[in-house]
Amino acid sequence: MKKLLFLGMMMLGLFAASQVSAQAKMAYVSVDEVVQLMPEYKKAMGEMAAYDSALQINYAETVKELNRQDSIFRADSAKWSPAIRGANREKMKKLLTDLQGFEQSYQQQMQQKQEELMTPVAQKANTLISDVAKTSGYTYVFRKEALLVYPDADDLLPAVKKKLGPTAVTTPPKPAGR
């Protein structure tokens, strides 16, 4: 009787353990690759390039204006009164200060713009990954970049590509040997 009770408890324990492991289905996905597949990413990158271009044009125009002012100052300053010479010198100092400040603010402005444009894309990617994981029955999904070893079978990227369908942005193949 004790053996039968022990055997029954053992079977119940094994059954419970198999149920727990069956419920904890795990997968991984490269969030960066998912984001790059999204059409919103391509649009955001286009807007980033346009914003960068506008900042660069502004910088170039300021340099051009400083060079123009400097040429005028060198050519005509001898004819000017000390007040006009001082005013033009101050104007050139302001332009030079603007140029020096540009280098410092450029990185900050680009980072803010990237955050503004990429936050909604990242949120949509996370929602998409969550939906695919839920549909596929996965309890846990890890970032592929954080894993050292992983089986090909548990990669969610193909399922995410399938869910995106024809709107997925195709990435060029990586060169051989990398």
C-alpha atoms as a PDB file:
ATOM      1  CA  MET A   1       0.000   0.000   0.000  1.00  0.00           C
ATOM      2  CA  LYS A   2       2.852   2.375   0.880  1.00  0.00           C
ATOM      3  CA  LYS A   3       4.544   1.562  -2.427  1.00  0.00           C
ATOM      4  CA  LEU A   4       1.323   2.234  -4.318  1.00  0.00           C
ATOM      5  CA  LEU A   5       0.844   5.571  -2.505  1.00  0.00           C
ATOM      6  CA  PHE A   6       4.501   6.485  -3.147  1.00  0.00           C
ATOM      7  CA  LEU A   7       4.193   5.528  -6.827  1.00  0.00           C
ATOM      8  CA  GLY A   8       0.956   7.561  -7.118  1.00  0.00           C
ATOM      9  CA  MET A   9       2.628  10.620  -5.557  1.00  0.00           C
ATOM     10  CA  MET A  10       5.626  10.212  -7.842  1.00  0.00           C
ATOM     11  CA  MET A  11       3.386  10.075 -10.931  1.00  0.00           C
ATOM     12  CA  LEU A  12       1.456  13.134  -9.741  1.00  0.00           C
ATOM     13  CA  GLY A  13       4.759  15.007  -9.221  1.00  0.00           C
ATOM     14  CA  LEU A  14       6.028  14.109 -12.688  1.00  0.00           C
ATOM     15  CA  PHE A  15       2.719  15.121 -14.238  1.00  0.00           C
ATOM     16  CA  ALA A  16       2.793  18.468 -12.403  1.00  0.00           C
ATOM     17  CA  ALA A  17       6.411  19.055 -13.457  1.00  0.00           C
ATOM     18  CA  SER A  18       5.587  18.354 -17.088  1.00  0.00           C
ATOM     19  CA  GLN A  19       2.636  20.758 -16.902  1.00  0.00           C
ATOM     20  CA  VAL A  20       4.856  23.526 -15.465  1.00  0.00           C
ATOM     21  CA  SER A  21       7.502  23.036 -18.152  1.00  0.00           C
ATOM     22  CA  ALA A  22       4.848  22.951 -20.862  1.00  0.00           C
ATOM     23  CA  GLN A  23       3.476  26.289 -19.654  1.00  0.00           C
ATOM     24  CA  ALA A  24       6.867  28.021 -19.658  1.00  0.00           C
ATOM     25  CA  LYS A  25       7.500  28.096 -23.398  1.00  0.00           C
ATOM     26  CA  MET A  26      10.431  30.401 -24.218  1.00  0.00           C
ATOM     27  CA  ALA A  27      11.662  32.142 -27.364  1.00  0.00           C
ATOM     28  CA  TYR A  28      14.010  34.904 -28.392  1.00  0.00           C
ATOM     29  CA  VAL A  29      14.013  37.665 -30.970  1.00  0.00           C
ATOM     30  CA  SER A  30      16.351  40.384 -32.174  1.00  0.00           C
ATOM     31  CA  VAL A  31      14.376  43.529 -31.386  1.00  0.00           C
ATOM     32  CA  ASP A  32      16.724  45.590 -33.552  1.00  0.00           C
ATOM     33  CA  GLU A  33      16.001  43.398 -36.574  1.00  0.00           C
ATOM     34  CA  VAL A  34      12.254  43.615 -35.921  1.00  0.00           C
ATOM     35  CA  VAL A  35      12.447  47.418 -35.762  1.00  0.00           C
ATOM     36  CA  GLN A  36      14.432  47.529 -39.010  1.00  0.00           C
ATOM     37  CA  LEU A  37      11.791  45.413 -40.750  1.00  0.00           C
ATOM     38  CA  MET A  38       9.027  47.885 -39.919  1.00  0.00           C
ATOM     39  CA  PRO A  39       7.985  50.444 -42.547  1.00  0.00           C
ATOM     40  CA  GLU A  40       7.809  53.037 -39.753  1.00  0.00           C
ATOM     41  CA  TYR A  41      11.553  52.599 -39.224  1.00  0.00           C
ATOM     42  CA  LYS A  42      12.314  53.455 -42.839  1.00  0.00           C
ATOM     43  CA  LYS A  43      10.107  56.545 -42.563  1.00  0.00           C
ATOM     44  CA  ALA A  44      11.776  57.601 -39.297  1.00  0.00           C
ATOM     45  CA  MET A  45      15.241  57.165 -40.820  1.00  0.00           C
ATOM     46  CA  GLY A  46      14.180  59.345 -43.745  1.00  0.00           C
ATOM     47  CA  GLU A  47      12.993  62.039 -41.355  1.00  0.00           C
ATOM     48  CA  MET A  48      16.267  61.755 -39.397  1.00  0.00           C
ATOM     49  CA  ALA A  49      18.261  62.227 -42.605  1.00  0.00           C
ATOM     50  CA  ALA A  50      16.170  65.273 -43.544  1.00  0.00           C
ATOM     51  CA  TYR A  51      16.597  66.751 -40.058  1.00  0.00           C
ATOM     52  CA  ASP A  52      20.352  66.142 -40.191  1.00  0.00           C
ATOM     53  CA  SER A  53      20.492  67.757 -43.610  1.00  0.00           C
ATOM     54  CA  ALA A  54      18.624  70.825 -42.346  1.00  0.00           C
ATOM     55  CA  LEU A  55      21.044  71.179 -39.422  1.00  0.00           C
ATOM     56  CA  GLN A  56      24.019  70.809 -41.769  1.00  0.00           C
ATOM     57  CA  ILE A  57      22.601  73.426 -44.157  1.00  0.00           C
ATOM     58  CA  ASN A  58      22.097  75.812 -41.244  1.00  0.00           C
ATOM     59  CA  TYR A  59      25.710  75.238 -40.193  1.00  0.00           C
ATOM     60  CA  ALA A  60      27.010  75.758 -43.739  1.00  0.00           C
ATOM     61  CA  GLU A  61      25.028  78.982 -44.113  1.00  0.00           C
ATOM     62  CA  THR A  62      26.442  80.283 -40.839  1.00  0.00           C
ATOM     63  CA  VAL A  63      30.004  79.463 -41.987  1.00  0.00           C
ATOM     64  CA  LYS A  64      29.311  81.149 -45.326  1.00  0.00           C
ATOM     65  CA  GLU A  65      27.971  84.255 -43.569  1.00  0.00           C
ATOM     66  CA  LEU A  66      30.973  84.373 -41.219  1.00  0.00           C
ATOM     67  CA  ASN A  67      33.355  84.135 -44.200  1.00  0.00           C
ATOM     68  CA  ARG A  68      31.407  86.853 -46.022  1.00  0.00           C
ATOM     69  CA  GLN A  69      31.489  89.142 -42.996  1.00  0.00           C
ATOM     70  CA  ASP A  70      35.213  88.464 -42.545  1.00  0.00           C
ATOM     71  CA  SER A  71      35.947  89.326 -46.193  1.00  0.00           C
ATOM     72  CA  ILE A  72      33.977  92.554 -45.937  1.00  0.00           C
ATOM     73  CA  PHE A  73      35.679  93.393 -42.648  1.00  0.00           C
ATOM     74  CA  ARG A  74      39.170  92.821 -44.079  1.00  0.00           C
ATOM     75  CA  ALA A  75      38.434  94.825 -47.230  1.00  0.00           C
ATOM     76  CA  ASP A  76      36.512  97.766 -45.780  1.00  0.00           C
ATOM     77  CA  SER A  77      37.320  98.089 -42.070  1.00  0.00           C
ATOM     78  CA  ALA A  78      39.999 100.699 -42.664  1.00  0.00           C
ATOM     79  CA  LYS A  79      37.308 103.046 -44.101  1.00  0.00           C
ATOM     80  CA  TRP A  80      34.875 102.517 -41.206  1.00  0.00           C
ATOM     81  CA  SER A  81      34.531 104.503 -38.051  1.00  0.00           C
ATOM     82  CA  PRO A  82      35.564 102.755 -34.811  1.00  0.00           C
ATOM     83  CA  ALA A  83      31.869 102.297 -33.856  1.00  0.00           C
ATOM     84  CA  ILE A  84      30.975 100.539 -37.115  1.00  0.00           C
ATOM     85  CA  ARG A  85      34.161  98.461 -36.930  1.00  0.00           C
ATOM     86  CA  GLY A  86      33.276  97.420 -33.348  1.00  0.00           C
ATOM     87  CA  ALA A  87      29.679  96.549 -34.301  1.00  0.00           C
ATOM     88  CA  ASN A  88      30.839  94.380 -37.195  1.00  0.00           C
ATOM     89  CA  ARG A  89      33.456  92.702 -35.018  1.00  0.00           C
ATOM     90  CA  GLU A  90      30.723  91.856 -32.467  1.00  0.00           C
ATOM     91  CA  LYS A  91      28.507  90.493 -35.230  1.00  0.00           C
ATOM     92  CA  MET A  92      31.358  88.200 -36.340  1.00  0.00           C
ATOM     93  CA  LYS A  93      32.014  87.092 -32.751  1.00  0.00           C
ATOM     94  CA  LYS A  94      28.358  86.122 -32.417  1.00  0.00           C
ATOM     95  CA  LEU A  95      28.529  84.063 -35.621  1.00  0.00           C
ATOM     96  CA  LEU A  96      31.697  82.354 -34.386  1.00  0.00           C
ATOM     97  CA  THR A  97      30.038  81.588 -31.043  1.00  0.00           C
ATOM     98  CA  ASP A  98      27.029  80.161 -32.905  1.00  0.00           C
ATOM     99  CA  LEU A  99      29.330  77.866 -34.876  1.00  0.00           C
ATOM    100  CA  GLN A 100      31.071  76.650 -31.738  1.00  0.00           C
ATOM    101  CA  GLY A 101      27.720  76.086 -30.044  1.00  0.00           C
ATOM    102  CA  PHE A 102      26.442  74.180 -33.061  1.00  0.00           C
ATOM    103  CA  GLU A 103      28.954  71.391 -32.566  1.00  0.00           C
ATOM    104  CA  GLN A 104      27.810  70.957 -28.969  1.00  0.00           C
ATOM    105  CA  SER A 105      24.092  71.172 -29.654  1.00  0.00           C
ATOM    106  CA  TYR A 106      24.161  69.088 -32.864  1.00  0.00           C
ATOM    107  CA  GLN A 107      24.569  65.753 -31.081  1.00  0.00           C
ATOM    108  CA  GLN A 108      21.942  66.681 -28.500  1.00  0.00           C
ATOM    109  CA  GLN A 109      19.430  67.784 -31.143  1.00  0.00           C
ATOM    110  CA  MET A 110      19.989  64.625 -33.202  1.00  0.00           C
ATOM    111  CA  GLN A 111      19.578  62.433 -30.125  1.00  0.00           C
ATOM    112  CA  GLN A 112      16.345  64.185 -29.158  1.00  0.00           C
ATOM    113  CA  LYS A 113      14.981  63.843 -32.694  1.00  0.00           C
ATOM    114  CA  GLN A 114      15.918  60.157 -32.800  1.00  0.00           C
ATOM    115  CA  GLU A 115      14.174  59.570 -29.477  1.00  0.00           C
ATOM    116  CA  GLU A 116      11.098  61.435 -30.692  1.00  0.00           C
ATOM    117  CA  LEU A 117      10.900  59.432 -33.918  1.00  0.00           C
ATOM    118  CA  MET A 118      12.011  56.006 -32.686  1.00  0.00           C
ATOM    119  CA  THR A 119      10.034  55.717 -29.427  1.00  0.00           C
ATOM    120  CA  PRO A 120       6.706  55.031 -31.193  1.00  0.00           C
ATOM    121  CA  VAL A 121       8.431  52.589 -33.570  1.00  0.00           C
ATOM    122  CA  ALA A 122      10.013  50.691 -30.658  1.00  0.00           C
ATOM    123  CA  GLN A 123       6.679  50.590 -28.834  1.00  0.00           C
ATOM    124  CA  LYS A 124       4.957  49.219 -31.924  1.00  0.00           C
ATOM    125  CA  ALA A 125       7.724  46.608 -32.339  1.00  0.00           C
ATOM    126  CA  ASN A 126       7.306  45.510 -28.712  1.00  0.00           C
ATOM    127  CA  THR A 127       3.544  45.220 -29.193  1.00  0.00           C
ATOM    128  CA  LEU A 128       4.072  43.216 -32.386  1.00  0.00           C
ATOM    129  CA  ILE A 129       6.528  40.870 -30.657  1.00  0.00           C
ATOM    130  CA  SER A 130       4.133  40.459 -27.739  1.00  0.00           C
ATOM    131  CA  ASP A 131       1.237  39.643 -30.089  1.00  0.00           C
ATOM    132  CA  VAL A 132       3.279  37.067 -32.009  1.00  0.00           C
ATOM    133  CA  ALA A 133       4.525  35.499 -28.771  1.00  0.00           C
ATOM    134  CA  LYS A 134       1.013  35.299 -27.383  1.00  0.00           C
ATOM    135  CA  THR A 135      -0.356  33.838 -30.621  1.00  0.00           C
ATOM    136  CA  SER A 136       2.465  31.285 -30.754  1.00  0.00           C
ATOM    137  CA  GLY A 137       1.990  30.335 -27.107  1.00  0.00           C
ATOM    138  CA  TYR A 138       5.295  31.672 -25.756  1.00  0.00           C
ATOM    139  CA  THR A 139       5.383  32.680 -22.107  1.00  0.00           C
ATOM    140  CA  TYR A 140       8.821  34.313 -22.160  1.00  0.00           C
ATOM    141  CA  VAL A 141      10.627  36.140 -24.967  1.00  0.00           C
ATOM    142  CA  PHE A 142      14.243  37.216 -24.544  1.00  0.00           C
ATOM    143  CA  ARG A 143      16.361  39.654 -26.522  1.00  0.00           C
ATOM    144  CA  LYS A 144      18.568  37.652 -28.868  1.00  0.00           C
ATOM    145  CA  GLU A 145      21.452  40.042 -28.237  1.00  0.00           C
ATOM    146  CA  ALA A 146      21.438  39.084 -24.537  1.00  0.00           C
ATOM    147  CA  LEU A 147      21.758  35.335 -25.184  1.00  0.00           C
ATOM    148  CA  LEU A 148      24.985  33.444 -25.726  1.00  0.00           C
ATOM    149  CA  VAL A 149      23.432  30.176 -26.923  1.00  0.00           C
ATOM    150  CA  TYR A 150      20.048  29.718 -28.554  1.00  0.00           C
ATOM    151  CA  PRO A 151      18.325  27.168 -30.796  1.00  0.00           C
ATOM    152  CA  ASP A 152      17.104  28.237 -34.233  1.00  0.00           C
ATOM    153  CA  ALA A 153      13.664  26.786 -33.588  1.00  0.00           C
ATOM    154  CA  ASP A 154      12.736  29.343 -30.921  1.00  0.00           C
ATOM    155  CA  ASP A 155      13.519  32.484 -32.954  1.00  0.00           C
ATOM    156  CA  LEU A 156      10.376  34.631 -33.291  1.00  0.00           C
ATOM    157  CA  LEU A 157      11.774  36.737 -36.154  1.00  0.00           C
ATOM    158  CA  PRO A 158      10.292  34.573 -38.951  1.00  0.00           C
ATOM    159  CA  ALA A 159       6.854  34.714 -37.276  1.00  0.00           C
ATOM    160  CA  VAL A 160       7.151  38.491 -36.874  1.00  0.00           C
ATOM    161  CA  LYS A 161       8.127  38.842 -40.563  1.00  0.00           C
ATOM    162  CA  LYS A 162       5.122  36.734 -41.497  1.00  0.00           C
ATOM    163  CA  LYS A 163       2.808  38.899 -39.359  1.00  0.00           C
ATOM    164  CA  LEU A 164       4.211  42.085 -40.947  1.00  0.00           C
ATOM    165  CA  GLY A 165       3.549  40.525 -44.328  1.00  0.00           C
ATOM    166  CA  PRO A 166       4.271  42.547 -47.450  1.00  0.00           C
ATOM    167  CA  THR A 167       4.802  45.748 -45.425  1.00  0.00           C
ATOM    168  CA  ALA A 168       8.056  44.336 -44.003  1.00  0.00           C
ATOM    169  CA  VAL A 169      11.092  46.215 -45.240  1.00  0.00           C
ATOM    170  CA  THR A 170      13.553  43.808 -46.772  1.00  0.00           C
ATOM    171  CA  THR A 171      17.116  44.213 -45.649  1.00  0.00           C
ATOM    172  CA  PRO A 172      19.985  43.622 -48.053  1.00  0.00           C
ATOM    173  CA  PRO A 173      21.806  40.310 -47.499  1.00  0.00           C
ATOM    174  CA  LYS A 174      24.967  40.461 -45.395  1.00  0.00           C
ATOM    175  CA  PRO A 175      28.220  40.033 -47.343  1.00  0.00           C
ATOM    176  CA  ALA A 176      29.777  36.584 -47.207  1.00  0.00           C
ATOM    177  CA  GLY A 177      32.450  36.028 -44.599  1.00  0.00           C
ATOM    178  CA  ARG A 178      30.878  38.150 -41.873  1.00  0.00           C
END
